[in-house]
Amino acid sequence: MKKIKSEYPEVYDAINKLNDVVYNGKSLDYKTQKLIAIGIVASRCDQSATEKQMRSAMHELNVTPDEIADVLRVVLLLSGMPSFTKGMRILEEILK
């Protein structure tokens, strides 16, 4: 995102505005939405996005490692072992 912010500021601004619209807390609170986001990126085995989502959830919303592990168990059920184990490895690295 740093490159996009510096080279394409209008795109960066649009992404931020979209973020505000998506995470509006209309029916689901922001914490629940963030946990859903963790599940989605973890299910895609996207290491960078998974780590970023986990870190921001823990920092901004005091999401606990146990809550993230609960999400990853759902990922295991719906996306399989590779997504689950990768997500758990990322969580373990964050906690070190």
Protein backbone atom coordinates (compact mmCIF):
# COMPACT_ATOMS: atom_id res chain seq x y z
CA MET A 1 0.00 0.00 0.00
CA LYS A 2 2.93 2.36 0.54
CA LYS A 3 3.74 2.29 -3.16
CA ILE A 4 0.11 2.86 -4.09
CA LYS A 5 -0.12 5.73 -1.61
CA SER A 6 2.95 7.46 -3.04
CA GLU A 7 2.45 6.72 -6.74
CA TYR A 8 -1.35 6.65 -6.99
CA PRO A 9 -2.76 8.81 -4.20
CA GLU A 10 -6.22 8.94 -5.78
CA VAL A 11 -6.45 5.13 -5.78
CA TYR A 12 -5.21 5.02 -2.19
CA ASP A 13 -7.89 7.55 -1.16
CA ALA A 14 -10.59 5.50 -2.93
CA ILE A 15 -9.47 2.34 -1.11
CA ASN A 16 -9.63 4.14 2.23
CA LYS A 17 -13.11 5.46 1.48
CA LEU A 18 -14.25 1.97 0.51
CA ASN A 19 -12.78 0.64 3.74
CA ASP A 20 -14.86 3.16 5.71
CA VAL A 21 -18.02 2.16 3.83
CA VAL A 22 -17.45 -1.58 4.31
CA TYR A 23 -16.51 -1.40 7.97
CA ASN A 24 -19.48 0.75 8.95
CA GLY A 25 -20.79 -1.39 11.81
CA LYS A 26 -24.36 -1.07 10.58
CA SER A 27 -25.44 -4.59 11.58
CA LEU A 28 -22.21 -6.27 12.63
CA ASP A 29 -19.75 -4.55 14.89
CA TYR A 30 -16.28 -3.75 13.60
CA LYS A 31 -14.65 -6.52 15.64
CA THR A 32 -16.91 -9.16 14.10
CA GLN A 33 -16.26 -7.78 10.64
CA LYS A 34 -12.51 -7.88 11.29
CA LEU A 35 -12.72 -11.52 12.43
CA ILE A 36 -14.57 -12.34 9.20
CA ALA A 37 -11.80 -10.59 7.25
CA ILE A 38 -9.19 -12.73 9.03
CA GLY A 39 -11.10 -15.86 8.06
CA ILE A 40 -11.34 -14.80 4.42
CA VAL A 41 -7.67 -13.95 3.95
CA ALA A 42 -6.55 -17.01 5.93
CA SER A 43 -8.74 -19.25 3.77
CA ARG A 44 -6.97 -17.84 0.71
CA CYS A 45 -3.54 -18.63 2.24
CA ASP A 46 -2.60 -14.98 1.76
CA GLN A 47 0.25 -14.70 4.25
CA SER A 48 0.79 -10.94 4.03
CA ALA A 49 -2.89 -10.03 4.29
CA THR A 50 -3.50 -12.57 7.05
CA GLU A 51 -0.68 -11.18 9.13
CA LYS A 52 -1.81 -7.59 8.58
CA GLN A 53 -5.42 -8.40 9.49
CA MET A 54 -4.38 -10.30 12.60
CA ARG A 55 -1.98 -7.59 13.79
CA SER A 56 -4.47 -4.78 13.25
CA ALA A 57 -7.27 -6.73 14.95
CA MET A 58 -5.09 -7.44 17.98
CA HIS A 59 -3.76 -3.88 18.15
CA GLU A 60 -6.89 -1.86 17.33
CA LEU A 61 -9.64 -4.07 18.73
CA ASN A 62 -7.93 -6.16 21.41
CA VAL A 63 -8.83 -9.34 19.55
CA THR A 64 -7.32 -12.23 21.48
CA PRO A 65 -5.26 -15.09 20.07
CA ASP A 66 -8.05 -17.44 21.21
CA GLU A 67 -10.60 -15.52 19.13
CA ILE A 68 -8.33 -15.75 16.10
CA ALA A 69 -7.84 -19.48 16.73
CA ASP A 70 -11.64 -19.88 16.78
CA VAL A 71 -11.78 -18.22 13.36
CA LEU A 72 -9.00 -20.45 12.08
CA ARG A 73 -10.91 -23.55 13.20
CA VAL A 74 -13.77 -22.45 10.95
CA VAL A 75 -11.20 -21.96 8.19
CA LEU A 76 -10.06 -25.55 8.79
CA LEU A 77 -13.59 -26.85 8.39
CA LEU A 78 -14.38 -24.87 5.25
CA SER A 79 -11.02 -24.41 3.51
CA GLY A 80 -8.90 -27.30 4.73
CA MET A 81 -5.71 -28.07 6.59
CA PRO A 82 -3.25 -25.98 4.52
CA SER A 83 -5.14 -22.76 5.17
CA PHE A 84 -5.55 -23.61 8.85
CA THR A 85 -1.92 -24.54 9.46
CA LYS A 86 -0.63 -21.50 7.61
CA GLY A 87 -2.93 -19.26 9.65
CA MET A 88 -1.82 -20.87 12.90
CA ARG A 89 1.85 -20.44 11.94
CA ILE A 90 1.25 -16.75 11.25
CA LEU A 91 -0.49 -16.33 14.60
CA GLU A 92 2.37 -18.10 16.40
CA GLU A 93 4.92 -15.82 14.74
CA ILE A 94 2.98 -12.73 15.77
CA LEU A 95 2.89 -13.95 19.37
CA LYS A 96 6.67 -14.48 19.58
